[in-house]
Structures are given as C-alpha cells and as structure tokens.
Amino acid sequence: MCLAIPARIEELFGEGMARVRVGESQTFLNASVMLLPKEPQIGDYVIVHAGFALHTLTPKEAEESLSALRELAQALEDPPQF
C-alpha cells in the first residue's frame, strides 16, 4: 500500500524542487514540484508521494487529512482490546 501525505512548502529551490514539512514536524523533505499544474508558492499545501508533489490542497483539506492520519497512528499504537 502506498500513502501520499499532505505537506507545506517551506522553500522553493533549484529546478522544480521544494523543501516541505509534514504537520508540525521539524523534519524537512525535498520534493519535486514539477508535476503540479500551477506554479507553487511558499506556504502552499501539497500531496506528496514518493518524492513528488502531485496536487495542491487548501489549508483546511491538509489539516483534515493530517488529523485523520494522526487518529490512525494513535489507533495503531493503542489497538482496542477485545
């Protein structure tokens, strides 16, 4: 299974590359923005999969997705006892 994650563009550099951050993490990733349909801006939220930004999101969409991922991670850490 593959997972694409929402990330915020923190810096644009080089030919079609960006430094992005997922949520409140202090870890930054590099991602290609060459597949986006419009020119990205610092502060844009994008869906990143395998090092490529594929789609732009609104801040609300990004937060909803990140919230769902946090809930899933919490459920995996504390599975229900039957």
PDB file of N, CA and C in Angstrom:
ATOM      1  N   MET A   1       0.847  -1.169   0.000  1.00  0.00           N
ATOM      2  CA  MET A   1       0.000   0.000   0.000  1.00  0.00           C
ATOM      3  C   MET A   1       0.893   1.233   0.000  1.00  0.00           C
ATOM      4  N   CYS A   2       0.483   2.224  -0.745  1.00  0.00           N
ATOM      5  CA  CYS A   2       1.209   3.484  -0.823  1.00  0.00           C
ATOM      6  C   CYS A   2       0.409   4.569  -0.119  1.00  0.00           C
ATOM      7  N   LEU A   3       1.106   5.514   0.435  1.00  0.00           N
ATOM      8  CA  LEU A   3       0.455   6.595   1.157  1.00  0.00           C
ATOM      9  C   LEU A   3       1.023   7.925   0.694  1.00  0.00           C
ATOM     10  N   ALA A   4       0.131   8.821   0.301  1.00  0.00           N
ATOM     11  CA  ALA A   4       0.527  10.187  -0.043  1.00  0.00           C
ATOM     12  C   ALA A   4       0.173  11.064   1.147  1.00  0.00           C
ATOM     13  N   ILE A   5       1.052  11.980   1.503  1.00  0.00           N
ATOM     14  CA  ILE A   5       0.839  12.785   2.697  1.00  0.00           C
ATOM     15  C   ILE A   5       0.797  14.269   2.371  1.00  0.00           C
ATOM     16  N   PRO A   6      -0.020  15.029   3.119  1.00  0.00           N
ATOM     17  CA  PRO A   6      -0.038  16.475   2.926  1.00  0.00           C
ATOM     18  C   PRO A   6       1.204  17.111   3.551  1.00  0.00           C
ATOM     19  N   ALA A   7       1.760  18.075   2.859  1.00  0.00           N
ATOM     20  CA  ALA A   7       2.945  18.776   3.359  1.00  0.00           C
ATOM     21  C   ALA A   7       2.863  20.237   2.935  1.00  0.00           C
ATOM     22  N   ARG A   8       3.518  21.090   3.703  1.00  0.00           N
ATOM     23  CA  ARG A   8       3.532  22.535   3.418  1.00  0.00           C
ATOM     24  C   ARG A   8       4.863  22.890   2.782  1.00  0.00           C
ATOM     25  N   ILE A   9       4.808  23.655   1.701  1.00  0.00           N
ATOM     26  CA  ILE A   9       6.036  24.106   1.037  1.00  0.00           C
ATOM     27  C   ILE A   9       6.669  25.200   1.893  1.00  0.00           C
ATOM     28  N   GLU A  10       7.895  24.951   2.317  1.00  0.00           N
ATOM     29  CA  GLU A  10       8.630  25.899   3.150  1.00  0.00           C
ATOM     30  C   GLU A  10       9.661  26.691   2.351  1.00  0.00           C
ATOM     31  N   GLU A  11      10.151  26.100   1.262  1.00  0.00           N
ATOM     32  CA  GLU A  11      11.198  26.749   0.472  1.00  0.00           C
ATOM     33  C   GLU A  11      11.149  26.192  -0.946  1.00  0.00           C
ATOM     34  N   LEU A  12      11.360  27.035  -1.930  1.00  0.00           N
ATOM     35  CA  LEU A  12      11.490  26.613  -3.326  1.00  0.00           C
ATOM     36  C   LEU A  12      12.936  26.825  -3.736  1.00  0.00           C
ATOM     37  N   PHE A  13      13.507  25.842  -4.428  1.00  0.00           N
ATOM     38  CA  PHE A  13      14.904  25.981  -4.848  1.00  0.00           C
ATOM     39  C   PHE A  13      15.156  25.130  -6.086  1.00  0.00           C
ATOM     40  N   GLY A  14      16.243  25.421  -6.747  1.00  0.00           N
ATOM     41  CA  GLY A  14      16.651  24.624  -7.897  1.00  0.00           C
ATOM     42  C   GLY A  14      15.590  24.568  -8.977  1.00  0.00           C
ATOM     43  N   GLU A  15      15.734  23.620  -9.842  1.00  0.00           N
ATOM     44  CA  GLU A  15      14.797  23.421 -10.939  1.00  0.00           C
ATOM     45  C   GLU A  15      13.643  22.541 -10.485  1.00  0.00           C
ATOM     46  N   GLY A  16      12.545  23.178 -10.083  1.00  0.00           N
ATOM     47  CA  GLY A  16      11.341  22.430  -9.751  1.00  0.00           C
ATOM     48  C   GLY A  16      11.407  21.634  -8.461  1.00  0.00           C
ATOM     49  N   MET A  17      12.173  22.097  -7.496  1.00  0.00           N
ATOM     50  CA  MET A  17      12.286  21.391  -6.224  1.00  0.00           C
ATOM     51  C   MET A  17      11.802  22.273  -5.087  1.00  0.00           C
ATOM     52  N   ALA A  18      11.320  21.617  -4.034  1.00  0.00           N
ATOM     53  CA  ALA A  18      10.849  22.339  -2.853  1.00  0.00           C
ATOM     54  C   ALA A  18      11.258  21.582  -1.606  1.00  0.00           C
ATOM     55  N   ARG A  19      11.419  22.325  -0.529  1.00  0.00           N
ATOM     56  CA  ARG A  19      11.616  21.731   0.799  1.00  0.00           C
ATOM     57  C   ARG A  19      10.244  21.820   1.468  1.00  0.00           C
ATOM     58  N   VAL A  20       9.736  20.666   1.932  1.00  0.00           N
ATOM     59  CA  VAL A  20       8.399  20.609   2.518  1.00  0.00           C
ATOM     60  C   VAL A  20       8.459  20.056   3.937  1.00  0.00           C
ATOM     61  N   ARG A  21       7.404  20.349   4.691  1.00  0.00           N
ATOM     62  CA  ARG A  21       7.311  19.867   6.082  1.00  0.00           C
ATOM     63  C   ARG A  21       5.919  19.283   6.282  1.00  0.00           C
ATOM     64  N   VAL A  22       5.874  18.136   6.948  1.00  0.00           N
ATOM     65  CA  VAL A  22       4.608  17.479   7.252  1.00  0.00           C
ATOM     66  C   VAL A  22       4.174  17.867   8.659  1.00  0.00           C
ATOM     67  N   GLY A  23       2.988  18.459   8.766  1.00  0.00           N
ATOM     68  CA  GLY A  23       2.442  18.839  10.067  1.00  0.00           C
ATOM     69  C   GLY A  23       3.364  19.772  10.820  1.00  0.00           C
ATOM     70  N   GLU A  24       3.506  19.494  12.120  1.00  0.00           N
ATOM     71  CA  GLU A  24       4.364  20.317  12.978  1.00  0.00           C
ATOM     72  C   GLU A  24       5.768  19.740  13.123  1.00  0.00           C
ATOM     73  N   SER A  25       6.061  18.726  12.331  1.00  0.00           N
ATOM     74  CA  SER A  25       7.368  18.077  12.376  1.00  0.00           C
ATOM     75  C   SER A  25       8.481  19.081  12.112  1.00  0.00           C
ATOM     76  N   GLN A  26       9.622  18.854  12.712  1.00  0.00           N
ATOM     77  CA  GLN A  26      10.800  19.675  12.449  1.00  0.00           C
ATOM     78  C   GLN A  26      11.684  19.030  11.388  1.00  0.00           C
ATOM     79  N   THR A  27      11.176  17.944  10.789  1.00  0.00           N
ATOM     80  CA  THR A  27      11.892  17.255   9.723  1.00  0.00           C
ATOM     81  C   THR A  27      11.410  17.772   8.379  1.00  0.00           C
ATOM     82  N   PHE A  28      12.344  18.121   7.515  1.00  0.00           N
ATOM     83  CA  PHE A  28      12.017  18.627   6.195  1.00  0.00           C
ATOM     84  C   PHE A  28      12.384  17.582   5.150  1.00  0.00           C
ATOM     85  N   LEU A  29      11.592  17.516   4.100  1.00  0.00           N
ATOM     86  CA  LEU A  29      11.840  16.606   2.984  1.00  0.00           C
ATOM     87  C   LEU A  29      11.977  17.422   1.715  1.00  0.00           C
ATOM     88  N   ASN A  30      12.696  16.892   0.752  1.00  0.00           N
ATOM     89  CA  ASN A  30      12.758  17.523  -0.557  1.00  0.00           C
ATOM     90  C   ASN A  30      11.758  16.822  -1.460  1.00  0.00           C
ATOM     91  N   ALA A  31      11.038  17.604  -2.263  1.00  0.00           N
ATOM     92  CA  ALA A  31      10.052  17.040  -3.176  1.00  0.00           C
ATOM     93  C   ALA A  31      10.082  17.808  -4.490  1.00  0.00           C
ATOM     94  N   SER A  32       9.887  17.090  -5.570  1.00  0.00           N
ATOM     95  CA  SER A  32       9.763  17.727  -6.874  1.00  0.00           C
ATOM     96  C   SER A  32       8.371  18.340  -6.984  1.00  0.00           C
ATOM     97  N   VAL A  33       8.295  19.557  -7.502  1.00  0.00           N
ATOM     98  CA  VAL A  33       7.003  20.216  -7.722  1.00  0.00           C
ATOM     99  C   VAL A  33       6.712  20.335  -9.223  1.00  0.00           C
ATOM    100  N   MET A  34       7.459  19.615 -10.030  1.00  0.00           N
ATOM    101  CA  MET A  34       7.324  19.714 -11.480  1.00  0.00           C
ATOM    102  C   MET A  34       6.009  19.133 -12.001  1.00  0.00           C
ATOM    103  N   LEU A  35       5.334  18.288 -11.233  1.00  0.00           N
ATOM    104  CA  LEU A  35       4.085  17.682 -11.685  1.00  0.00           C
ATOM    105  C   LEU A  35       2.854  18.507 -11.327  1.00  0.00           C
ATOM    106  N   LEU A  36       3.032  19.574 -10.566  1.00  0.00           N
ATOM    107  CA  LEU A  36       1.889  20.405 -10.184  1.00  0.00           C
ATOM    108  C   LEU A  36       1.388  21.186 -11.396  1.00  0.00           C
ATOM    109  N   PRO A  37       0.058  21.355 -11.507  1.00  0.00           N
ATOM    110  CA  PRO A  37      -0.494  22.049 -12.671  1.00  0.00           C
ATOM    111  C   PRO A  37      -0.240  23.555 -12.682  1.00  0.00           C
ATOM    112  N   LYS A  38       0.039  24.153 -11.509  1.00  0.00           N
ATOM    113  CA  LYS A  38       0.331  25.589 -11.479  1.00  0.00           C
ATOM    114  C   LYS A  38       1.588  25.825 -10.665  1.00  0.00           C
ATOM    115  N   GLU A  39       2.170  26.992 -10.845  1.00  0.00           N
ATOM    116  CA  GLU A  39       3.406  27.352 -10.147  1.00  0.00           C
ATOM    117  C   GLU A  39       3.161  27.369  -8.635  1.00  0.00           C
ATOM    118  N   PRO A  40       3.903  26.583  -7.866  1.00  0.00           N
ATOM    119  CA  PRO A  40       3.703  26.554  -6.417  1.00  0.00           C
ATOM    120  C   PRO A  40       4.275  27.790  -5.738  1.00  0.00           C
ATOM    121  N   GLN A  41       3.755  28.073  -4.575  1.00  0.00           N
ATOM    122  CA  GLN A  41       4.208  29.205  -3.768  1.00  0.00           C
ATOM    123  C   GLN A  41       4.595  28.698  -2.378  1.00  0.00           C
ATOM    124  N   ILE A  42       5.486  29.395  -1.714  1.00  0.00           N
ATOM    125  CA  ILE A  42       5.802  29.071  -0.324  1.00  0.00           C
ATOM    126  C   ILE A  42       4.521  29.222   0.486  1.00  0.00           C
ATOM    127  N   GLY A  43       4.233  28.226   1.313  1.00  0.00           N
ATOM    128  CA  GLY A  43       3.017  28.228   2.121  1.00  0.00           C
ATOM    129  C   GLY A  43       1.917  27.355   1.543  1.00  0.00           C
ATOM    130  N   ASP A  44       2.039  26.962   0.260  1.00  0.00           N
ATOM    131  CA  ASP A  44       1.052  26.058  -0.328  1.00  0.00           C
ATOM    132  C   ASP A  44       1.134  24.693   0.345  1.00  0.00           C
ATOM    133  N   TYR A  45      -0.012  24.033   0.420  1.00  0.00           N
ATOM    134  CA  TYR A  45      -0.059  22.649   0.886  1.00  0.00           C
ATOM    135  C   TYR A  45      -0.195  21.751  -0.325  1.00  0.00           C
ATOM    136  N   VAL A  46       0.577  20.680  -0.335  1.00  0.00           N
ATOM    137  CA  VAL A  46       0.577  19.748  -1.460  1.00  0.00           C
ATOM    138  C   VAL A  46       0.514  18.314  -0.940  1.00  0.00           C
ATOM    139  N   ILE A  47       0.042  17.423  -1.793  1.00  0.00           N
ATOM    140  CA  ILE A  47       0.086  15.991  -1.505  1.00  0.00           C
ATOM    141  C   ILE A  47       1.400  15.474  -2.075  1.00  0.00           C
ATOM    142  N   VAL A  48       2.202  14.809  -1.244  1.00  0.00           N
ATOM    143  CA  VAL A  48       3.499  14.294  -1.668  1.00  0.00           C
ATOM    144  C   VAL A  48       3.483  12.774  -1.629  1.00  0.00           C
ATOM    145  N   HIS A  49       3.908  12.174  -2.727  1.00  0.00           N
ATOM    146  CA  HIS A  49       4.029  10.717  -2.810  1.00  0.00           C
ATOM    147  C   HIS A  49       5.329  10.391  -3.525  1.00  0.00           C
ATOM    148  N   ALA A  50       6.137   9.573  -2.907  1.00  0.00           N
ATOM    149  CA  ALA A  50       7.397   9.102  -3.496  1.00  0.00           C
ATOM    150  C   ALA A  50       8.280  10.253  -3.980  1.00  0.00           C
ATOM    151  N   GLY A  51       8.270  11.360  -3.220  1.00  0.00           N
ATOM    152  CA  GLY A  51       9.143  12.472  -3.541  1.00  0.00           C
ATOM    153  C   GLY A  51       8.600  13.454  -4.565  1.00  0.00           C
ATOM    154  N   PHE A  52       7.328  13.290  -4.950  1.00  0.00           N
ATOM    155  CA  PHE A  52       6.714  14.180  -5.926  1.00  0.00           C
ATOM    156  C   PHE A  52       5.458  14.818  -5.351  1.00  0.00           C
ATOM    157  N   ALA A  53       5.350  16.143  -5.462  1.00  0.00           N
ATOM    158  CA  ALA A  53       4.113  16.843  -5.108  1.00  0.00           C
ATOM    159  C   ALA A  53       3.152  16.640  -6.276  1.00  0.00           C
ATOM    160  N   LEU A  54       1.978  16.062  -5.976  1.00  0.00           N
ATOM    161  CA  LEU A  54       1.054  15.688  -7.043  1.00  0.00           C
ATOM    162  C   LEU A  54      -0.158  16.595  -7.174  1.00  0.00           C
ATOM    163  N   HIS A  55      -0.512  17.272  -6.084  1.00  0.00           N
ATOM    164  CA  HIS A  55      -1.776  18.007  -6.054  1.00  0.00           C
ATOM    165  C   HIS A  55      -1.684  19.085  -4.979  1.00  0.00           C
ATOM    166  N   THR A  56      -2.332  20.214  -5.203  1.00  0.00           N
ATOM    167  CA  THR A  56      -2.372  21.285  -4.210  1.00  0.00           C
ATOM    168  C   THR A  56      -3.646  21.156  -3.381  1.00  0.00           C
ATOM    169  N   LEU A  57      -3.531  21.410  -2.070  1.00  0.00           N
ATOM    170  CA  LEU A  57      -4.665  21.346  -1.145  1.00  0.00           C
ATOM    171  C   LEU A  57      -4.900  22.711  -0.516  1.00  0.00           C
ATOM    172  N   THR A  58      -6.117  22.921  -0.027  1.00  0.00           N
ATOM    173  CA  THR A  58      -6.372  24.093   0.807  1.00  0.00           C
ATOM    174  C   THR A  58      -5.825  23.776   2.196  1.00  0.00           C
ATOM    175  N   PRO A  59      -5.557  24.781   3.011  1.00  0.00           N
ATOM    176  CA  PRO A  59      -5.106  24.507   4.379  1.00  0.00           C
ATOM    177  C   PRO A  59      -6.107  23.634   5.156  1.00  0.00           C
ATOM    178  N   LYS A  60      -7.394  23.843   4.937  1.00  0.00           N
ATOM    179  CA  LYS A  60      -8.413  23.037   5.624  1.00  0.00           C
ATOM    180  C   LYS A  60      -8.325  21.571   5.203  1.00  0.00           C
ATOM    181  N   GLU A  61      -8.188  21.309   3.907  1.00  0.00           N
ATOM    182  CA  GLU A  61      -8.061  19.933   3.422  1.00  0.00           C
ATOM    183  C   GLU A  61      -6.814  19.268   3.995  1.00  0.00           C
ATOM    184  N   ALA A  62      -5.715  20.008   4.038  1.00  0.00           N
ATOM    185  CA  ALA A  62      -4.469  19.458   4.575  1.00  0.00           C
ATOM    186  C   ALA A  62      -4.632  19.104   6.045  1.00  0.00           C
ATOM    187  N   GLU A  63      -5.234  19.984   6.841  1.00  0.00           N
ATOM    188  CA  GLU A  63      -5.412  19.713   8.270  1.00  0.00           C
ATOM    189  C   GLU A  63      -6.349  18.527   8.497  1.00  0.00           C
ATOM    190  N   GLU A  64      -7.409  18.420   7.711  1.00  0.00           N
ATOM    191  CA  GLU A  64      -8.317  17.280   7.844  1.00  0.00           C
ATOM    192  C   GLU A  64      -7.595  15.968   7.551  1.00  0.00           C
ATOM    193  N   SER A  65      -6.775  15.958   6.515  1.00  0.00           N
ATOM    194  CA  SER A  65      -6.007  14.755   6.172  1.00  0.00           C
ATOM    195  C   SER A  65      -4.996  14.413   7.258  1.00  0.00           C
ATOM    196  N   LEU A  66      -4.274  15.425   7.740  1.00  0.00           N
ATOM    197  CA  LEU A  66      -3.285  15.184   8.799  1.00  0.00           C
ATOM    198  C   LEU A  66      -3.962  14.696  10.076  1.00  0.00           C
ATOM    199  N   SER A  67      -5.136  15.235  10.391  1.00  0.00           N
ATOM    200  CA  SER A  67      -5.877  14.803  11.568  1.00  0.00           C
ATOM    201  C   SER A  67      -6.269  13.328  11.448  1.00  0.00           C
ATOM    202  N   ALA A  68      -6.742  12.934  10.273  1.00  0.00           N
ATOM    203  CA  ALA A  68      -7.109  11.532  10.047  1.00  0.00           C
ATOM    204  C   ALA A  68      -5.888  10.625  10.176  1.00  0.00           C
ATOM    205  N   LEU A  69      -4.737  11.056   9.671  1.00  0.00           N
ATOM    206  CA  LEU A  69      -3.510  10.260   9.792  1.00  0.00           C
ATOM    207  C   LEU A  69      -3.063  10.150  11.244  1.00  0.00           C
ATOM    208  N   ARG A  70      -3.229  11.244  12.017  1.00  0.00           N
ATOM    209  CA  ARG A  70      -2.881  11.189  13.449  1.00  0.00           C
ATOM    210  C   ARG A  70      -3.773  10.190  14.183  1.00  0.00           C
ATOM    211  N   GLU A  71      -5.073  10.215  13.876  1.00  0.00           N
ATOM    212  CA  GLU A  71      -6.006   9.274  14.507  1.00  0.00           C
ATOM    213  C   GLU A  71      -5.640   7.831  14.166  1.00  0.00           C
ATOM    214  N   LEU A  72      -5.294   7.581  12.924  1.00  0.00           N
ATOM    215  CA  LEU A  72      -4.894   6.235  12.503  1.00  0.00           C
ATOM    216  C   LEU A  72      -3.629   5.795  13.235  1.00  0.00           C
ATOM    217  N   ALA A  73      -2.642   6.671  13.323  1.00  0.00           N
ATOM    218  CA  ALA A  73      -1.396   6.344  14.024  1.00  0.00           C
ATOM    219  C   ALA A  73      -1.673   6.040  15.490  1.00  0.00           C
ATOM    220  N   GLN A  74      -2.540   6.828  16.123  1.00  0.00           N
ATOM    221  CA  GLN A  74      -2.890   6.592  17.528  1.00  0.00           C
ATOM    222  C   GLN A  74      -3.574   5.240  17.698  1.00  0.00           C
ATOM    223  N   ALA A  75      -4.477   4.907  16.778  1.00  0.00           N
ATOM    224  CA  ALA A  75      -5.182   3.623  16.848  1.00  0.00           C
ATOM    225  C   ALA A  75      -4.210   2.453  16.694  1.00  0.00           C
ATOM    226  N   LEU A  76      -3.208   2.620  15.869  1.00  0.00           N
ATOM    227  CA  LEU A  76      -2.221   1.556  15.684  1.00  0.00           C
ATOM    228  C   LEU A  76      -1.324   1.406  16.905  1.00  0.00           C
ATOM    229  N   GLU A  77      -1.060   2.514  17.610  1.00  0.00           N
ATOM    230  CA  GLU A  77      -0.241   2.444  18.817  1.00  0.00           C
ATOM    231  C   GLU A  77      -1.012   1.847  19.986  1.00  0.00           C
ATOM    232  N   ASP A  78      -2.309   2.145  20.062  1.00  0.00           N
ATOM    233  CA  ASP A  78      -3.170   1.676  21.158  1.00  0.00           C
ATOM    234  C   ASP A  78      -4.354   0.903  20.588  1.00  0.00           C
ATOM    235  N   PRO A  79      -4.103  -0.323  20.057  1.00  0.00           N
ATOM    236  CA  PRO A  79      -5.218  -1.056  19.460  1.00  0.00           C
ATOM    237  C   PRO A  79      -6.271  -1.404  20.519  1.00  0.00           C
ATOM    238  N   PRO A  80      -7.532  -1.453  20.099  1.00  0.00           N
ATOM    239  CA  PRO A  80      -8.590  -1.786  21.066  1.00  0.00           C
ATOM    240  C   PRO A  80      -8.415  -3.212  21.575  1.00  0.00           C
ATOM    241  N   GLN A  81      -8.740  -3.424  22.813  1.00  0.00           N
ATOM    242  CA  GLN A  81      -8.662  -4.756  23.421  1.00  0.00           C
ATOM    243  C   GLN A  81     -10.042  -5.403  23.353  1.00  0.00           C
ATOM    244  N   PHE A  82     -10.102  -6.593  22.819  1.00  0.00           N
ATOM    245  CA  PHE A  82     -11.390  -7.294  22.714  1.00  0.00           C
ATOM    246  C   PHE A  82     -11.435  -8.433  23.696  1.00  0.00           C
TER     247      PHE A  82
END
